[in-house]
Amino acid sequence: MYRFFYHMELTSDSVNMEMLFKQARATYLAGELLCSAKDMIQFTAVLCQIYKGDVDDKFCLETLLKIQHQVAPPKWKIKGYYKSIVADYAALKGMTVPDGKCCFIKLWSSLELFGFEFLSCSEAKTSQRGLIGISKDKILFLSNQKAAKAETWEFDDLLDCKQDILDENVTLYFKRDRTLQLCLPEYSGVLIDCIEGHRDLQSTVPMEYWHTQSFHFDQSSHGIIAPAYNFASQFAKDRERCALSKFTYEDIFRGAKTFNPL
């Protein structure tokens, strides 16, 4: 559903918001979000605010451990981050449940690899294994060779894609005579469908939505939003980010620059 997120009109009580929150929360609790420990502290703090309300004097480590199944991945060693979680949780005092869900989606959408759909593949010429990632803005190839940097292309630079059904290859043709030929056993059609899906949306979604990186939410009418809400919704802008072209396969899938609790 995140493929369509960037042009949704989200309000704190909309069906779209509720569906996105459930998807984001399920992905996070399954340990499938590629994010830093700092990100996880913030996600957990927002979920505490959603499910427990404002922090009080009775909230302690034992309480956090009891509700971990609701607010954090089960294999994450949450005990070591207790103080940081409580500090962020306390800063959200006054945030309503609908606004907390909007805030959670905002944090989710700020992740560097948000919106990428990854497929296992190999380069047809070299048989080099890796992953191809497709998003609304970028196409990313990650080789599994140690220290190999990611290759990136702008989605708008993609001129054509052709599928060879017999050997399950897909060739991507970019501007400036750049090409990428991939072998995707059993998944070549999925890659084509993914690319065509983004192209179809490009042709129907207004350009101001297509290229924007900012996601705006209407504030809730259910109660007064805590002053910390605006701070929480700007976490993405405050964090230092690593350019996609500097990522390696190991950085993303073995924890060097990102954190996967599993």
Protein backbone atom coordinates (compact mmCIF):
# COMPACT_ATOMS: atom_id res chain seq x y z
CA MET A 1 0.00 0.00 0.00
CA TYR A 2 2.93 2.39 0.49
CA ARG A 3 3.30 2.57 -3.31
CA PHE A 4 0.17 4.75 -3.32
CA PHE A 5 0.85 6.65 -0.11
CA TYR A 6 2.41 9.77 -1.57
CA HIS A 7 -0.79 11.01 -3.22
CA MET A 8 -3.26 10.08 -0.51
CA GLU A 9 -5.13 12.77 1.34
CA LEU A 10 -4.56 11.64 4.89
CA THR A 11 -6.44 12.92 7.88
CA SER A 12 -6.12 11.63 11.41
CA ASP A 13 -9.50 9.87 11.17
CA SER A 14 -9.39 8.63 7.57
CA VAL A 15 -9.64 5.01 6.44
CA ASN A 16 -6.40 5.44 4.46
CA MET A 17 -4.57 6.54 7.57
CA GLU A 18 -5.84 3.57 9.58
CA MET A 19 -4.86 1.09 6.86
CA LEU A 20 -1.38 2.60 6.48
CA PHE A 21 -0.85 2.60 10.23
CA LYS A 22 -1.76 -1.08 10.48
CA GLN A 23 0.65 -1.95 7.67
CA ALA A 24 3.45 0.17 9.12
CA ARG A 25 2.94 -1.19 12.64
CA ALA A 26 2.83 -4.82 11.45
CA THR A 27 6.04 -4.36 9.44
CA TYR A 28 7.78 -2.75 12.40
CA LEU A 29 6.68 -5.36 14.95
CA ALA A 30 7.80 -8.14 12.59
CA GLY A 31 11.30 -6.66 12.64
CA GLU A 32 11.22 -5.95 8.91
CA LEU A 33 11.85 -2.19 8.96
CA LEU A 34 15.42 -1.36 7.98
CA CYS A 35 16.14 1.42 10.43
CA SER A 36 18.55 2.58 13.09
CA ALA A 37 18.26 1.98 16.83
CA LYS A 38 17.37 5.66 17.20
CA ASP A 39 14.48 5.18 14.78
CA MET A 40 13.27 2.18 16.76
CA ILE A 41 13.28 4.18 19.98
CA GLN A 42 11.07 6.79 18.33
CA PHE A 43 8.71 4.20 16.82
CA THR A 44 8.38 2.50 20.20
CA ALA A 45 7.76 5.78 22.04
CA VAL A 46 4.93 6.71 19.66
CA LEU A 47 3.33 3.27 20.05
CA CYS A 48 3.54 3.61 23.84
CA GLN A 49 1.68 6.90 23.57
CA ILE A 50 -0.95 5.31 21.33
CA TYR A 51 -1.60 2.24 23.49
CA LYS A 52 -0.84 3.51 27.01
CA GLY A 53 -1.70 7.20 26.79
CA ASP A 54 0.36 9.80 28.64
CA VAL A 55 3.29 8.47 30.61
CA ASP A 56 2.81 8.37 34.39
CA ASP A 57 4.83 7.58 37.50
CA LYS A 58 3.77 3.93 37.38
CA PHE A 59 5.42 3.34 34.01
CA CYS A 60 8.60 1.34 34.52
CA LEU A 61 10.80 -1.19 32.75
CA GLU A 62 8.53 -4.03 33.86
CA THR A 63 5.57 -2.27 32.23
CA LEU A 64 7.49 -1.80 29.01
CA LEU A 65 8.49 -5.46 28.89
CA LYS A 66 4.87 -6.52 29.42
CA ILE A 67 3.66 -4.50 26.43
CA GLN A 68 6.67 -5.14 24.17
CA HIS A 69 4.54 -7.30 21.87
CA GLN A 70 2.47 -4.16 21.15
CA VAL A 71 5.24 -1.59 20.81
CA ALA A 72 8.47 -3.27 19.64
CA PRO A 73 9.81 -6.35 17.79
CA PRO A 74 9.96 -9.36 20.14
CA LYS A 75 13.65 -10.07 19.50
CA TRP A 76 14.78 -6.48 20.05
CA LYS A 77 16.65 -6.14 23.36
CA ILE A 78 14.44 -3.32 24.51
CA LYS A 79 15.84 -3.26 28.06
CA GLY A 80 19.00 -1.50 26.94
CA TYR A 81 17.03 1.38 25.43
CA TYR A 82 14.54 1.88 28.25
CA LYS A 83 15.70 5.35 29.35
CA SER A 84 15.77 6.71 25.81
CA ILE A 85 12.31 5.30 25.08
CA VAL A 86 10.84 6.85 28.24
CA ALA A 87 12.40 10.23 27.41
CA ASP A 88 10.84 10.26 23.93
CA TYR A 89 7.58 8.88 25.29
CA ALA A 90 7.33 11.65 27.89
CA ALA A 91 7.87 14.29 25.18
CA LEU A 92 4.69 13.10 23.45
CA LYS A 93 2.43 13.86 26.41
CA GLY A 94 -0.97 15.07 25.24
CA MET A 95 -0.81 13.45 21.80
CA THR A 96 -4.12 11.81 20.88
CA VAL A 97 -4.42 8.31 19.43
CA PRO A 98 -5.34 9.51 15.89
CA ASP A 99 -2.46 11.98 15.88
CA GLY A 100 -0.11 9.32 17.19
CA LYS A 101 -1.01 7.08 14.25
CA CYS A 102 -0.35 9.93 11.84
CA CYS A 103 2.97 10.56 13.54
CA PHE A 104 3.91 6.86 13.24
CA ILE A 105 3.19 6.94 9.50
CA LYS A 106 5.24 10.13 9.19
CA LEU A 107 8.23 8.45 10.80
CA TRP A 108 7.76 5.36 8.63
CA SER A 109 7.72 7.45 5.46
CA SER A 110 10.94 9.21 6.48
CA LEU A 111 13.08 6.06 6.33
CA GLU A 112 15.72 6.10 3.62
CA LEU A 113 14.40 2.94 1.93
CA PHE A 114 10.70 3.70 2.38
CA GLY A 115 8.68 2.78 -0.69
CA PHE A 116 11.25 0.42 -2.20
CA GLU A 117 10.08 -2.98 -3.40
CA PHE A 118 13.02 -5.40 -3.49
CA LEU A 119 13.40 -8.54 -5.62
CA SER A 120 16.23 -11.06 -5.55
CA CYS A 121 18.13 -11.17 -8.84
CA SER A 122 21.51 -11.45 -10.53
CA GLU A 123 23.21 -9.51 -13.29
CA ALA A 124 22.77 -11.53 -16.47
CA LYS A 125 26.30 -10.93 -17.82
CA THR A 126 28.31 -11.46 -14.63
CA SER A 127 25.93 -13.70 -12.62
CA GLN A 128 26.56 -11.32 -9.72
CA ARG A 129 23.86 -11.85 -7.10
CA GLY A 130 22.01 -8.98 -5.48
CA LEU A 131 18.72 -7.13 -5.15
CA ILE A 132 16.84 -4.79 -7.45
CA GLY A 133 14.79 -2.12 -5.67
CA ILE A 134 12.06 -0.02 -7.29
CA SER A 135 10.48 3.10 -5.81
CA LYS A 136 8.59 6.06 -7.22
CA ASP A 137 11.83 8.05 -7.55
CA LYS A 138 14.70 5.58 -7.77
CA ILE A 139 15.84 2.27 -9.16
CA LEU A 140 18.51 0.68 -7.01
CA PHE A 141 20.74 -2.35 -7.64
CA LEU A 142 22.55 -3.81 -4.62
CA SER A 143 25.29 -6.33 -5.32
CA ASN A 144 25.93 -8.84 -2.56
CA GLN A 145 29.67 -8.53 -3.11
CA LYS A 146 31.39 -7.11 -0.05
CA ALA A 147 31.89 -3.32 -0.17
CA ALA A 148 30.26 -3.01 -3.60
CA LYS A 149 28.42 0.31 -3.76
CA ALA A 150 24.80 0.51 -4.84
CA GLU A 151 24.06 1.53 -8.39
CA THR A 152 21.21 4.01 -8.67
CA TRP A 153 19.13 5.48 -11.47
CA GLU A 154 16.39 8.07 -11.45
CA PHE A 155 13.06 6.43 -12.24
CA ASP A 156 12.37 9.21 -14.74
CA ASP A 157 15.53 8.18 -16.65
CA LEU A 158 14.07 4.74 -17.43
CA LEU A 159 13.24 4.69 -21.14
CA ASP A 160 12.07 1.12 -21.58
CA CYS A 161 12.09 -2.35 -20.05
CA LYS A 162 11.93 -5.63 -21.95
CA GLN A 163 11.28 -9.12 -20.68
CA ASP A 164 12.79 -12.24 -22.21
CA ILE A 165 10.36 -14.93 -21.09
CA LEU A 166 12.54 -17.85 -22.20
CA ASP A 167 15.54 -17.12 -19.97
CA GLU A 168 13.62 -14.94 -17.49
CA ASN A 169 15.81 -11.89 -18.10
CA VAL A 170 14.71 -8.29 -17.87
CA THR A 171 16.67 -5.49 -19.53
CA LEU A 172 16.24 -1.93 -18.32
CA TYR A 173 17.17 0.86 -20.73
CA PHE A 174 18.09 4.26 -19.29
CA LYS A 175 19.07 7.61 -20.69
CA ARG A 176 22.71 8.14 -21.73
CA ASP A 177 22.83 4.59 -23.13
CA ARG A 178 22.94 2.95 -19.72
CA THR A 179 21.46 -0.53 -19.44
CA LEU A 180 20.93 -3.08 -16.69
CA GLN A 181 20.22 -6.70 -17.60
CA LEU A 182 18.94 -8.87 -14.78
CA CYS A 183 18.04 -12.52 -14.34
CA LEU A 184 15.04 -13.08 -12.08
CA PRO A 185 13.98 -16.75 -12.06
CA GLU A 186 10.20 -16.87 -11.62
CA TYR A 187 10.05 -13.13 -10.84
CA SER A 188 10.79 -11.36 -14.11
CA GLY A 189 7.07 -10.67 -14.61
CA VAL A 190 6.80 -9.27 -11.07
CA LEU A 191 9.53 -6.72 -11.82
CA ILE A 192 7.78 -5.65 -15.03
CA ASP A 193 4.45 -5.32 -13.18
CA CYS A 194 6.12 -3.25 -10.45
CA ILE A 195 7.65 -0.84 -12.98
CA GLU A 196 4.44 -0.57 -14.97
CA GLY A 197 2.51 0.06 -11.76
CA HIS A 198 4.66 3.09 -10.97
CA ARG A 199 4.40 4.28 -14.57
CA ASP A 200 0.61 4.05 -14.49
CA LEU A 201 0.54 6.13 -11.33
CA GLN A 202 2.90 8.68 -12.89
CA SER A 203 0.42 9.19 -15.67
CA THR A 204 -2.53 9.74 -13.32
CA VAL A 205 -1.11 11.44 -10.22
CA PRO A 206 -0.53 15.23 -10.33
CA MET A 207 3.15 16.08 -10.67
CA GLU A 208 3.21 18.09 -7.44
CA TYR A 209 2.33 14.89 -5.56
CA TRP A 210 4.58 12.62 -7.59
CA HIS A 211 7.84 14.42 -6.82
CA THR A 212 7.15 15.71 -3.34
CA GLN A 213 9.05 14.20 -0.44
CA SER A 214 6.86 15.91 2.16
CA PHE A 215 3.80 14.23 3.61
CA HIS A 216 1.24 16.48 5.23
CA PHE A 217 -1.44 15.43 7.69
CA ASP A 218 -4.45 17.34 8.89
CA GLN A 219 -4.27 17.69 12.62
CA SER A 220 -6.90 15.95 14.67
CA SER A 221 -10.10 17.63 15.75
CA HIS A 222 -10.42 15.11 18.59
CA GLY A 223 -8.27 17.04 21.03
CA ILE A 224 -5.41 19.44 21.52
CA ILE A 225 -2.16 18.23 20.01
CA ALA A 226 0.89 18.28 22.24
CA PRO A 227 3.58 20.83 21.33
CA ALA A 228 5.85 17.83 20.89
CA TYR A 229 3.80 16.67 17.89
CA ASN A 230 5.48 19.04 15.45
CA PHE A 231 8.86 18.02 16.85
CA ALA A 232 8.02 14.36 16.45
CA SER A 233 6.81 14.79 12.88
CA GLN A 234 10.11 16.42 11.91
CA PHE A 235 12.37 13.57 13.06
CA ALA A 236 13.28 12.79 9.47
CA LYS A 237 14.61 16.26 8.78
CA ASP A 238 16.71 16.30 11.93
CA ARG A 239 18.50 13.03 11.26
CA GLU A 240 21.69 12.73 9.27
CA ARG A 241 21.13 10.58 6.20
CA CYS A 242 23.32 8.46 4.00
CA ALA A 243 22.88 8.97 0.25
CA LEU A 244 21.46 5.91 -1.48
CA SER A 245 24.48 5.67 -3.79
CA LYS A 246 26.71 5.11 -0.74
CA PHE A 247 24.78 2.10 0.56
CA THR A 248 26.22 -1.36 0.13
CA TYR A 249 24.41 -4.68 0.37
CA GLU A 250 26.09 -5.32 3.74
CA ASP A 251 25.14 -1.90 5.06
CA ILE A 252 21.49 -2.63 4.55
CA PHE A 253 21.22 -6.33 5.27
CA ARG A 254 23.98 -6.90 7.83
CA GLY A 255 23.50 -3.93 10.11
CA ALA A 256 26.42 -1.60 9.35
CA LYS A 257 24.35 1.51 8.67
CA THR A 258 20.89 0.19 9.44
CA PHE A 259 19.50 -1.84 12.28
CA ASN A 260 17.47 -5.00 11.88
CA PRO A 261 16.52 -6.53 15.25
CA LEU A 262 16.21 -9.99 13.72
